[in-house]
Amino acid sequence: MTNYAVPDFGNFFNAVARHPNPPPKPSRVSFDVRWHGGAPPVDIRDPTFGFMGTFVDGPATISFTAKNDGSTVVYRSLAAGQKALYAGAGRERNGIFFV
């Protein structure tokens, strides 16, 4: 995603306030998520939660930038030290499709 418009509330409490003060600043974010895969496929069947599927685990990296409109300051994520707790892809069946 590139140059996606988002409001910058400045902090969490302003973001959840009914009337943010100061008002949010128009901003833009860009991000790139790369999943690298590599693990063998794993079949999972969980009758307790009603789903089944085949999933592949693997590492992922994310780059992210954020910038307020009209500002020259750009905030960037750092590649060093990133750790994804889980990054996987697969096909799942659930609900009425769970057999």
PDB file of N, CA and C in Angstrom:
ATOM      1  N   MET A   1       0.866  -1.151   0.000  1.00  0.00           N
ATOM      2  CA  MET A   1       0.000   0.000   0.000  1.00  0.00           C
ATOM      3  C   MET A   1       0.918   1.221   0.000  1.00  0.00           C
ATOM      4  N   THR A   2       0.598   2.172  -0.844  1.00  0.00           N
ATOM      5  CA  THR A   2       1.432   3.366  -0.956  1.00  0.00           C
ATOM      6  C   THR A   2       0.585   4.621  -0.803  1.00  0.00           C
ATOM      7  N   ASN A   3       1.057   5.533   0.047  1.00  0.00           N
ATOM      8  CA  ASN A   3       0.435   6.852   0.206  1.00  0.00           C
ATOM      9  C   ASN A   3      -1.026   6.776   0.648  1.00  0.00           C
ATOM     10  N   TYR A   4      -1.343   5.882   1.568  1.00  0.00           N
ATOM     11  CA  TYR A   4      -2.702   5.698   2.051  1.00  0.00           C
ATOM     12  C   TYR A   4      -3.043   6.803   3.060  1.00  0.00           C
ATOM     13  N   ALA A   5      -4.144   7.494   2.834  1.00  0.00           N
ATOM     14  CA  ALA A   5      -4.544   8.608   3.704  1.00  0.00           C
ATOM     15  C   ALA A   5      -5.073   8.095   5.043  1.00  0.00           C
ATOM     16  N   VAL A   6      -4.531   8.615   6.145  1.00  0.00           N
ATOM     17  CA  VAL A   6      -4.975   8.269   7.493  1.00  0.00           C
ATOM     18  C   VAL A   6      -4.945   9.526   8.356  1.00  0.00           C
ATOM     19  N   PRO A   7      -5.770   9.595   9.405  1.00  0.00           N
ATOM     20  CA  PRO A   7      -5.664  10.706  10.345  1.00  0.00           C
ATOM     21  C   PRO A   7      -4.601  10.410  11.397  1.00  0.00           C
ATOM     22  N   ASP A   8      -3.817  11.408  11.772  1.00  0.00           N
ATOM     23  CA  ASP A   8      -2.834  11.268  12.856  1.00  0.00           C
ATOM     24  C   ASP A   8      -3.375  11.990  14.079  1.00  0.00           C
ATOM     25  N   PHE A   9      -3.795  11.208  15.078  1.00  0.00           N
ATOM     26  CA  PHE A   9      -4.371  11.777  16.291  1.00  0.00           C
ATOM     27  C   PHE A   9      -3.313  12.172  17.314  1.00  0.00           C
ATOM     28  N   GLY A  10      -2.073  11.779  17.092  1.00  0.00           N
ATOM     29  CA  GLY A  10      -0.993  12.162  17.988  1.00  0.00           C
ATOM     30  C   GLY A  10      -0.760  11.200  19.132  1.00  0.00           C
ATOM     31  N   ASN A  11      -1.829  10.663  19.716  1.00  0.00           N
ATOM     32  CA  ASN A  11      -1.685   9.678  20.785  1.00  0.00           C
ATOM     33  C   ASN A  11      -2.970   8.865  20.904  1.00  0.00           C
ATOM     34  N   PHE A  12      -2.900   7.787  21.645  1.00  0.00           N
ATOM     35  CA  PHE A  12      -4.026   6.866  21.778  1.00  0.00           C
ATOM     36  C   PHE A  12      -5.255   7.551  22.368  1.00  0.00           C
ATOM     37  N   PHE A  13      -5.078   8.329  23.412  1.00  0.00           N
ATOM     38  CA  PHE A  13      -6.220   8.923  24.108  1.00  0.00           C
ATOM     39  C   PHE A  13      -6.953   9.922  23.217  1.00  0.00           C
ATOM     40  N   ASN A  14      -6.224  10.657  22.414  1.00  0.00           N
ATOM     41  CA  ASN A  14      -6.859  11.571  21.472  1.00  0.00           C
ATOM     42  C   ASN A  14      -7.604  10.786  20.385  1.00  0.00           C
ATOM     43  N   ALA A  15      -7.058   9.622  19.993  1.00  0.00           N
ATOM     44  CA  ALA A  15      -7.688   8.810  18.951  1.00  0.00           C
ATOM     45  C   ALA A  15      -9.026   8.238  19.405  1.00  0.00           C
ATOM     46  N   VAL A  16      -9.182   7.942  20.689  1.00  0.00           N
ATOM     47  CA  VAL A  16     -10.429   7.352  21.184  1.00  0.00           C
ATOM     48  C   VAL A  16     -11.359   8.388  21.806  1.00  0.00           C
ATOM     49  N   ALA A  17     -10.935   9.645  21.846  1.00  0.00           N
ATOM     50  CA  ALA A  17     -11.768  10.706  22.421  1.00  0.00           C
ATOM     51  C   ALA A  17     -12.961  11.012  21.511  1.00  0.00           C
ATOM     52  N   ARG A  18     -14.060  11.357  22.120  1.00  0.00           N
ATOM     53  CA  ARG A  18     -15.255  11.718  21.344  1.00  0.00           C
ATOM     54  C   ARG A  18     -15.003  12.984  20.526  1.00  0.00           C
ATOM     55  N   HIS A  19     -14.284  13.935  21.101  1.00  0.00           N
ATOM     56  CA  HIS A  19     -13.943  15.189  20.412  1.00  0.00           C
ATOM     57  C   HIS A  19     -12.438  15.392  20.538  1.00  0.00           C
ATOM     58  N   PRO A  20     -11.654  14.846  19.608  1.00  0.00           N
ATOM     59  CA  PRO A  20     -10.190  14.946  19.704  1.00  0.00           C
ATOM     60  C   PRO A  20      -9.720  16.402  19.764  1.00  0.00           C
ATOM     61  N   ASN A  21      -8.776  16.648  20.678  1.00  0.00           N
ATOM     62  CA  ASN A  21      -8.209  17.986  20.809  1.00  0.00           C
ATOM     63  C   ASN A  21      -6.718  17.845  21.068  1.00  0.00           C
ATOM     64  N   PRO A  22      -5.868  18.245  20.151  1.00  0.00           N
ATOM     65  CA  PRO A  22      -6.175  18.916  18.887  1.00  0.00           C
ATOM     66  C   PRO A  22      -6.769  17.949  17.865  1.00  0.00           C
ATOM     67  N   PRO A  23      -7.405  18.490  16.827  1.00  0.00           N
ATOM     68  CA  PRO A  23      -7.965  17.617  15.795  1.00  0.00           C
ATOM     69  C   PRO A  23      -6.868  16.850  15.065  1.00  0.00           C
ATOM     70  N   PRO A  24      -7.200  15.705  14.487  1.00  0.00           N
ATOM     71  CA  PRO A  24      -6.168  14.908  13.802  1.00  0.00           C
ATOM     72  C   PRO A  24      -5.589  15.649  12.600  1.00  0.00           C
ATOM     73  N   LYS A  25      -4.312  15.325  12.331  1.00  0.00           N
ATOM     74  CA  LYS A  25      -3.632  15.907  11.170  1.00  0.00           C
ATOM     75  C   LYS A  25      -3.756  14.946   9.994  1.00  0.00           C
ATOM     76  N   PRO A  26      -4.080  15.447   8.802  1.00  0.00           N
ATOM     77  CA  PRO A  26      -4.086  14.569   7.630  1.00  0.00           C
ATOM     78  C   PRO A  26      -2.680  14.017   7.396  1.00  0.00           C
ATOM     79  N   SER A  27      -2.599  12.721   7.163  1.00  0.00           N
ATOM     80  CA  SER A  27      -1.299  12.062   7.043  1.00  0.00           C
ATOM     81  C   SER A  27      -1.365  10.972   5.986  1.00  0.00           C
ATOM     82  N   ARG A  28      -0.199  10.403   5.675  1.00  0.00           N
ATOM     83  CA  ARG A  28      -0.092   9.328   4.690  1.00  0.00           C
ATOM     84  C   ARG A  28       0.818   8.237   5.245  1.00  0.00           C
ATOM     85  N   VAL A  29       0.461   6.991   4.980  1.00  0.00           N
ATOM     86  CA  VAL A  29       1.321   5.867   5.346  1.00  0.00           C
ATOM     87  C   VAL A  29       1.551   4.996   4.113  1.00  0.00           C
ATOM     88  N   SER A  30       2.690   4.337   4.095  1.00  0.00           N
ATOM     89  CA  SER A  30       3.008   3.343   3.071  1.00  0.00           C
ATOM     90  C   SER A  30       3.586   2.139   3.782  1.00  0.00           C
ATOM     91  N   PHE A  31       3.227   0.948   3.328  1.00  0.00           N
ATOM     92  CA  PHE A  31       3.797  -0.248   3.937  1.00  0.00           C
ATOM     93  C   PHE A  31       3.917  -1.364   2.908  1.00  0.00           C
ATOM     94  N   ASP A  32       4.868  -2.240   3.169  1.00  0.00           N
ATOM     95  CA  ASP A  32       5.134  -3.378   2.301  1.00  0.00           C
ATOM     96  C   ASP A  32       5.358  -4.587   3.203  1.00  0.00           C
ATOM     97  N   VAL A  33       4.512  -5.603   3.059  1.00  0.00           N
ATOM     98  CA  VAL A  33       4.619  -6.827   3.851  1.00  0.00           C
ATOM     99  C   VAL A  33       5.083  -7.936   2.913  1.00  0.00           C
ATOM    100  N   ARG A  34       6.171  -8.587   3.267  1.00  0.00           N
ATOM    101  CA  ARG A  34       6.707  -9.683   2.451  1.00  0.00           C
ATOM    102  C   ARG A  34       6.699 -10.970   3.271  1.00  0.00           C
ATOM    103  N   TRP A  35       6.030 -11.970   2.758  1.00  0.00           N
ATOM    104  CA  TRP A  35       6.000 -13.276   3.400  1.00  0.00           C
ATOM    105  C   TRP A  35       6.916 -14.188   2.594  1.00  0.00           C
ATOM    106  N   HIS A  36       7.808 -14.904   3.277  1.00  0.00           N
ATOM    107  CA  HIS A  36       8.832 -15.682   2.601  1.00  0.00           C
ATOM    108  C   HIS A  36       8.566 -17.188   2.597  1.00  0.00           C
ATOM    109  N   GLY A  37       7.549 -17.661   3.324  1.00  0.00           N
ATOM    110  CA  GLY A  37       7.177 -19.076   3.302  1.00  0.00           C
ATOM    111  C   GLY A  37       8.331 -20.002   3.629  1.00  0.00           C
ATOM    112  N   GLY A  38       8.230 -21.231   3.161  1.00  0.00           N
ATOM    113  CA  GLY A  38       9.346 -22.153   3.297  1.00  0.00           C
ATOM    114  C   GLY A  38       9.095 -23.399   4.119  1.00  0.00           C
ATOM    115  N   ALA A  39       8.216 -23.346   5.086  1.00  0.00           N
ATOM    116  CA  ALA A  39       7.965 -24.533   5.909  1.00  0.00           C
ATOM    117  C   ALA A  39       7.051 -25.500   5.144  1.00  0.00           C
ATOM    118  N   PRO A  40       7.075 -26.765   5.513  1.00  0.00           N
ATOM    119  CA  PRO A  40       6.166 -27.711   4.843  1.00  0.00           C
ATOM    120  C   PRO A  40       4.712 -27.445   5.245  1.00  0.00           C
ATOM    121  N   PRO A  41       3.746 -27.754   4.372  1.00  0.00           N
ATOM    122  CA  PRO A  41       2.329 -27.564   4.702  1.00  0.00           C
ATOM    123  C   PRO A  41       1.922 -28.426   5.906  1.00  0.00           C
ATOM    124  N   VAL A  42       1.057 -27.875   6.736  1.00  0.00           N
ATOM    125  CA  VAL A  42       0.557 -28.580   7.921  1.00  0.00           C
ATOM    126  C   VAL A  42      -0.970 -28.589   7.860  1.00  0.00           C
ATOM    127  N   ASP A  43      -1.563 -29.777   8.014  1.00  0.00           N
ATOM    128  CA  ASP A  43      -3.016 -29.907   8.076  1.00  0.00           C
ATOM    129  C   ASP A  43      -3.465 -29.786   9.524  1.00  0.00           C
ATOM    130  N   ILE A  44      -4.462 -28.925   9.761  1.00  0.00           N
ATOM    131  CA  ILE A  44      -4.990 -28.715  11.108  1.00  0.00           C
ATOM    132  C   ILE A  44      -6.493 -28.934  11.077  1.00  0.00           C
ATOM    133  N   ARG A  45      -6.988 -29.654  12.081  1.00  0.00           N
ATOM    134  CA  ARG A  45      -8.438 -29.856  12.240  1.00  0.00           C
ATOM    135  C   ARG A  45      -8.756 -29.571  13.701  1.00  0.00           C
ATOM    136  N   ASP A  46      -9.619 -28.603  13.965  1.00  0.00           N
ATOM    137  CA  ASP A  46      -9.956 -28.198  15.326  1.00  0.00           C
ATOM    138  C   ASP A  46     -11.473 -28.198  15.500  1.00  0.00           C
ATOM    139  N   PRO A  47     -12.046 -29.341  15.969  1.00  0.00           N
ATOM    140  CA  PRO A  47     -13.504 -29.408  16.139  1.00  0.00           C
ATOM    141  C   PRO A  47     -14.022 -28.485  17.246  1.00  0.00           C
ATOM    142  N   THR A  48     -13.190 -28.143  18.218  1.00  0.00           N
ATOM    143  CA  THR A  48     -13.625 -27.251  19.292  1.00  0.00           C
ATOM    144  C   THR A  48     -13.999 -25.881  18.733  1.00  0.00           C
ATOM    145  N   PHE A  49     -13.171 -25.340  17.850  1.00  0.00           N
ATOM    146  CA  PHE A  49     -13.432 -24.021  17.282  1.00  0.00           C
ATOM    147  C   PHE A  49     -14.030 -24.107  15.881  1.00  0.00           C
ATOM    148  N   GLY A  50     -14.224 -25.316  15.363  1.00  0.00           N
ATOM    149  CA  GLY A  50     -14.929 -25.523  14.107  1.00  0.00           C
ATOM    150  C   GLY A  50     -14.207 -25.037  12.870  1.00  0.00           C
ATOM    151  N   PHE A  51     -12.926 -25.356  12.759  1.00  0.00           N
ATOM    152  CA  PHE A  51     -12.223 -25.018  11.522  1.00  0.00           C
ATOM    153  C   PHE A  51     -11.199 -26.091  11.193  1.00  0.00           C
ATOM    154  N   MET A  52     -10.852 -26.135   9.917  1.00  0.00           N
ATOM    155  CA  MET A  52      -9.799 -27.026   9.449  1.00  0.00           C
ATOM    156  C   MET A  52      -9.126 -26.356   8.254  1.00  0.00           C
ATOM    157  N   GLY A  53      -7.901 -26.757   7.991  1.00  0.00           N
ATOM    158  CA  GLY A  53      -7.231 -26.180   6.839  1.00  0.00           C
ATOM    159  C   GLY A  53      -5.809 -26.672   6.707  1.00  0.00           C
ATOM    160  N   THR A  54      -5.176 -26.212   5.657  1.00  0.00           N
ATOM    161  CA  THR A  54      -3.770 -26.496   5.394  1.00  0.00           C
ATOM    162  C   THR A  54      -3.028 -25.162   5.422  1.00  0.00           C
ATOM    163  N   PHE A  55      -1.969 -25.093   6.226  1.00  0.00           N
ATOM    164  CA  PHE A  55      -1.259 -23.829   6.441  1.00  0.00           C
ATOM    165  C   PHE A  55       0.238 -24.019   6.232  1.00  0.00           C
ATOM    166  N   VAL A  56       0.886 -22.960   5.767  1.00  0.00           N
ATOM    167  CA  VAL A  56       2.335 -22.951   5.577  1.00  0.00           C
ATOM    168  C   VAL A  56       2.895 -21.796   6.399  1.00  0.00           C
ATOM    169  N   ASP A  57       3.844 -22.100   7.253  1.00  0.00           N
ATOM    170  CA  ASP A  57       4.494 -21.116   8.117  1.00  0.00           C
ATOM    171  C   ASP A  57       5.753 -20.596   7.421  1.00  0.00           C
ATOM    172  N   GLY A  58       6.210 -19.424   7.810  1.00  0.00           N
ATOM    173  CA  GLY A  58       7.453 -18.895   7.261  1.00  0.00           C
ATOM    174  C   GLY A  58       7.704 -17.491   7.771  1.00  0.00           C
ATOM    175  N   PRO A  59       8.901 -16.973   7.595  1.00  0.00           N
ATOM    176  CA  PRO A  59       9.223 -15.635   8.085  1.00  0.00           C
ATOM    177  C   PRO A  59       8.573 -14.542   7.235  1.00  0.00           C
ATOM    178  N   ALA A  60       8.420 -13.366   7.835  1.00  0.00           N
ATOM    179  CA  ALA A  60       7.872 -12.209   7.131  1.00  0.00           C
ATOM    180  C   ALA A  60       8.636 -10.959   7.547  1.00  0.00           C
ATOM    181  N   THR A  61       8.681  -9.985   6.659  1.00  0.00           N
ATOM    182  CA  THR A  61       9.283  -8.685   6.969  1.00  0.00           C
ATOM    183  C   THR A  61       8.287  -7.594   6.583  1.00  0.00           C
ATOM    184  N   ILE A  62       8.365  -6.486   7.298  1.00  0.00           N
ATOM    185  CA  ILE A  62       7.450  -5.374   7.067  1.00  0.00           C
ATOM    186  C   ILE A  62       8.259  -4.075   7.023  1.00  0.00           C
ATOM    187  N   SER A  63       8.032  -3.268   6.004  1.00  0.00           N
ATOM    188  CA  SER A  63       8.595  -1.913   5.996  1.00  0.00           C
ATOM    189  C   SER A  63       7.414  -0.943   6.042  1.00  0.00           C
ATOM    190  N   PHE A  64       7.597   0.165   6.751  1.00  0.00           N
ATOM    191  CA  PHE A  64       6.491   1.080   7.023  1.00  0.00           C
ATOM    192  C   PHE A  64       7.024   2.496   7.079  1.00  0.00           C
ATOM    193  N   THR A  65       6.332   3.440   6.445  1.00  0.00           N
ATOM    194  CA  THR A  65       6.657   4.859   6.577  1.00  0.00           C
ATOM    195  C   THR A  65       5.377   5.623   6.883  1.00  0.00           C
ATOM    196  N   ALA A  66       5.517   6.722   7.614  1.00  0.00           N
ATOM    197  CA  ALA A  66       4.386   7.590   7.933  1.00  0.00           C
ATOM    198  C   ALA A  66       4.848   9.039   7.870  1.00  0.00           C
ATOM    199  N   LYS A  67       3.950   9.906   7.393  1.00  0.00           N
ATOM    200  CA  LYS A  67       4.304  11.320   7.222  1.00  0.00           C
ATOM    201  C   LYS A  67       3.038  12.155   7.299  1.00  0.00           C
ATOM    202  N   ASN A  68       3.096  13.253   8.075  1.00  0.00           N
ATOM    203  CA  ASN A  68       1.991  14.208   8.090  1.00  0.00           C
ATOM    204  C   ASN A  68       2.015  15.009   6.794  1.00  0.00           C
ATOM    205  N   ASP A  69       0.837  15.261   6.215  1.00  0.00           N
ATOM    206  CA  ASP A  69       0.764  16.070   5.009  1.00  0.00           C
ATOM    207  C   ASP A  69       1.369  17.448   5.298  1.00  0.00           C
ATOM    208  N   GLY A  70       2.154  17.967   4.384  1.00  0.00           N
ATOM    209  CA  GLY A  70       2.772  19.283   4.542  1.00  0.00           C
ATOM    210  C   GLY A  70       4.024  19.289   5.390  1.00  0.00           C
ATOM    211  N   SER A  71       4.474  18.144   5.862  1.00  0.00           N
ATOM    212  CA  SER A  71       5.686  18.059   6.679  1.00  0.00           C
ATOM    213  C   SER A  71       6.778  17.348   5.889  1.00  0.00           C
ATOM    214  N   THR A  72       8.022  17.660   6.210  1.00  0.00           N
ATOM    215  CA  THR A  72       9.140  16.964   5.566  1.00  0.00           C
ATOM    216  C   THR A  72       9.650  15.806   6.413  1.00  0.00           C
ATOM    217  N   VAL A  73       9.135  15.661   7.641  1.00  0.00           N
ATOM    218  CA  VAL A  73       9.572  14.599   8.540  1.00  0.00           C
ATOM    219  C   VAL A  73       8.895  13.281   8.144  1.00  0.00           C
ATOM    220  N   VAL A  74       9.701  12.239   7.963  1.00  0.00           N
ATOM    221  CA  VAL A  74       9.183  10.918   7.610  1.00  0.00           C
ATOM    222  C   VAL A  74       9.607   9.928   8.690  1.00  0.00           C
ATOM    223  N   TYR A  75       8.654   9.182   9.223  1.00  0.00           N
ATOM    224  CA  TYR A  75       8.933   8.147  10.218  1.00  0.00           C
ATOM    225  C   TYR A  75       9.047   6.817   9.488  1.00  0.00           C
ATOM    226  N   ARG A  76      10.120   6.040   9.776  1.00  0.00           N
ATOM    227  CA  ARG A  76      10.376   4.788   9.076  1.00  0.00           C
ATOM    228  C   ARG A  76      10.601   3.654  10.070  1.00  0.00           C
ATOM    229  N   SER A  77      10.123   2.478   9.700  1.00  0.00           N
ATOM    230  CA  SER A  77      10.424   1.292  10.500  1.00  0.00           C
ATOM    231  C   SER A  77      11.866   0.875  10.230  1.00  0.00           C
ATOM    232  N   LEU A  78      12.437   0.145  11.165  1.00  0.00           N
ATOM    233  CA  LEU A  78      13.791  -0.373  11.002  1.00  0.00           C
ATOM    234  C   LEU A  78      13.722  -1.869  10.733  1.00  0.00           C
ATOM    235  N   ALA A  79      14.448  -2.323   9.725  1.00  0.00           N
ATOM    236  CA  ALA A  79      14.458  -3.750   9.402  1.00  0.00           C
ATOM    237  C   ALA A  79      15.164  -4.555  10.497  1.00  0.00           C
ATOM    238  N   ALA A  80      16.197  -3.986  11.083  1.00  0.00           N
ATOM    239  CA  ALA A  80      16.961  -4.686  12.114  1.00  0.00           C
ATOM    240  C   ALA A  80      16.098  -4.878  13.358  1.00  0.00           C
ATOM    241  N   GLY A  81      16.088  -6.094  13.879  1.00  0.00           N
ATOM    242  CA  GLY A  81      15.388  -6.375  15.119  1.00  0.00           C
ATOM    243  C   GLY A  81      13.925  -6.754  14.965  1.00  0.00           C
ATOM    244  N   GLN A  82      13.404  -6.778  13.734  1.00  0.00           N
ATOM    245  CA  GLN A  82      12.013  -7.187  13.561  1.00  0.00           C
ATOM    246  C   GLN A  82      11.847  -8.667  13.879  1.00  0.00           C
ATOM    247  N   LYS A  83      10.730  -8.997  14.522  1.00  0.00           N
ATOM    248  CA  LYS A  83      10.425 -10.393  14.796  1.00  0.00           C
ATOM    249  C   LYS A  83       8.920 -10.591  14.683  1.00  0.00           C
ATOM    250  N   ALA A  84       8.505 -11.344  13.686  1.00  0.00           N
ATOM    251  CA  ALA A  84       7.089 -11.669  13.526  1.00  0.00           C
ATOM    252  C   ALA A  84       6.782 -12.882  14.400  1.00  0.00           C
ATOM    253  N   LEU A  85       5.775 -12.789  15.249  1.00  0.00           N
ATOM    254  CA  LEU A  85       5.419 -13.912  16.114  1.00  0.00           C
ATOM    255  C   LEU A  85       4.865 -15.073  15.305  1.00  0.00           C
ATOM    256  N   TYR A  86       4.122 -14.760  14.244  1.00  0.00           N
ATOM    257  CA  TYR A  86       3.635 -15.800  13.347  1.00  0.00           C
ATOM    258  C   TYR A  86       3.361 -15.172  11.993  1.00  0.00           C
ATOM    259  N   ALA A  87       3.769 -15.840  10.946  1.00  0.00           N
ATOM    260  CA  ALA A  87       3.456 -15.412   9.586  1.00  0.00           C
ATOM    261  C   ALA A  87       3.143 -16.669   8.787  1.00  0.00           C
ATOM    262  N   GLY A  88       1.894 -16.823   8.438  1.00  0.00           N
ATOM    263  CA  GLY A  88       1.502 -18.018   7.709  1.00  0.00           C
ATOM    264  C   GLY A  88       0.437 -17.706   6.676  1.00  0.00           C
ATOM    265  N   ALA A  89       0.247 -18.638   5.796  1.00  0.00           N
ATOM    266  CA  ALA A  89      -0.785 -18.531   4.777  1.00  0.00           C
ATOM    267  C   ALA A  89      -1.402 -19.908   4.609  1.00  0.00           C
ATOM    268  N   GLY A  90      -2.630 -19.943   4.139  1.00  0.00           N
ATOM    269  CA  GLY A  90      -3.258 -21.238   3.939  1.00  0.00           C
ATOM    270  C   GLY A  90      -4.678 -21.128   3.468  1.00  0.00           C
ATOM    271  N   ARG A  91      -5.320 -22.292   3.423  1.00  0.00           N
ATOM    272  CA  ARG A  91      -6.731 -22.390   3.072  1.00  0.00           C
ATOM    273  C   ARG A  91      -7.459 -22.942   4.280  1.00  0.00           C
ATOM    274  N   GLU A  92      -8.607 -22.350   4.580  1.00  0.00           N
ATOM    275  CA  GLU A  92      -9.354 -22.735   5.772  1.00  0.00           C
ATOM    276  C   GLU A  92     -10.812 -22.983   5.411  1.00  0.00           C
ATOM    277  N   ARG A  93     -11.420 -23.921   6.119  1.00  0.00           N
ATOM    278  CA  ARG A  93     -12.865 -24.138   6.039  1.00  0.00           C
ATOM    279  C   ARG A  93     -13.409 -23.991   7.451  1.00  0.00           C
ATOM    280  N   ASN A  94     -14.552 -23.300   7.578  1.00  0.00           N
ATOM    281  CA  ASN A  94     -15.160 -23.141   8.894  1.00  0.00           C
ATOM    282  C   ASN A  94     -16.672 -22.982   8.748  1.00  0.00           C
ATOM    283  N   GLY A  95     -17.344 -22.788   9.871  1.00  0.00           N
ATOM    284  CA  GLY A  95     -18.785 -22.609   9.848  1.00  0.00           C
ATOM    285  C   GLY A  95     -19.490 -23.792   9.214  1.00  0.00           C
ATOM    286  N   ILE A  96     -20.424 -23.514   8.318  1.00  0.00           N
ATOM    287  CA  ILE A  96     -21.179 -24.598   7.688  1.00  0.00           C
ATOM    288  C   ILE A  96     -20.329 -25.413   6.729  1.00  0.00           C
ATOM    289  N   PHE A  97     -19.148 -24.900   6.374  1.00  0.00           N
ATOM    290  CA  PHE A  97     -18.249 -25.621   5.468  1.00  0.00           C
ATOM    291  C   PHE A  97     -17.308 -26.563   6.213  1.00  0.00           C
ATOM    292  N   PHE A  98     -17.316 -26.497   7.552  1.00  0.00           N
ATOM    293  CA  PHE A  98     -16.477 -27.395   8.351  1.00  0.00           C
ATOM    294  C   PHE A  98     -17.094 -28.784   8.325  1.00  0.00           C
ATOM    295  N   VAL A  99     -16.329 -29.754   7.839  1.00  0.00           N
ATOM    296  CA  VAL A  99     -16.846 -31.122   7.713  1.00  0.00           C
ATOM    297  C   VAL A  99     -15.970 -32.065   8.496  1.00  0.00           C
TER     298      VAL A  99
END
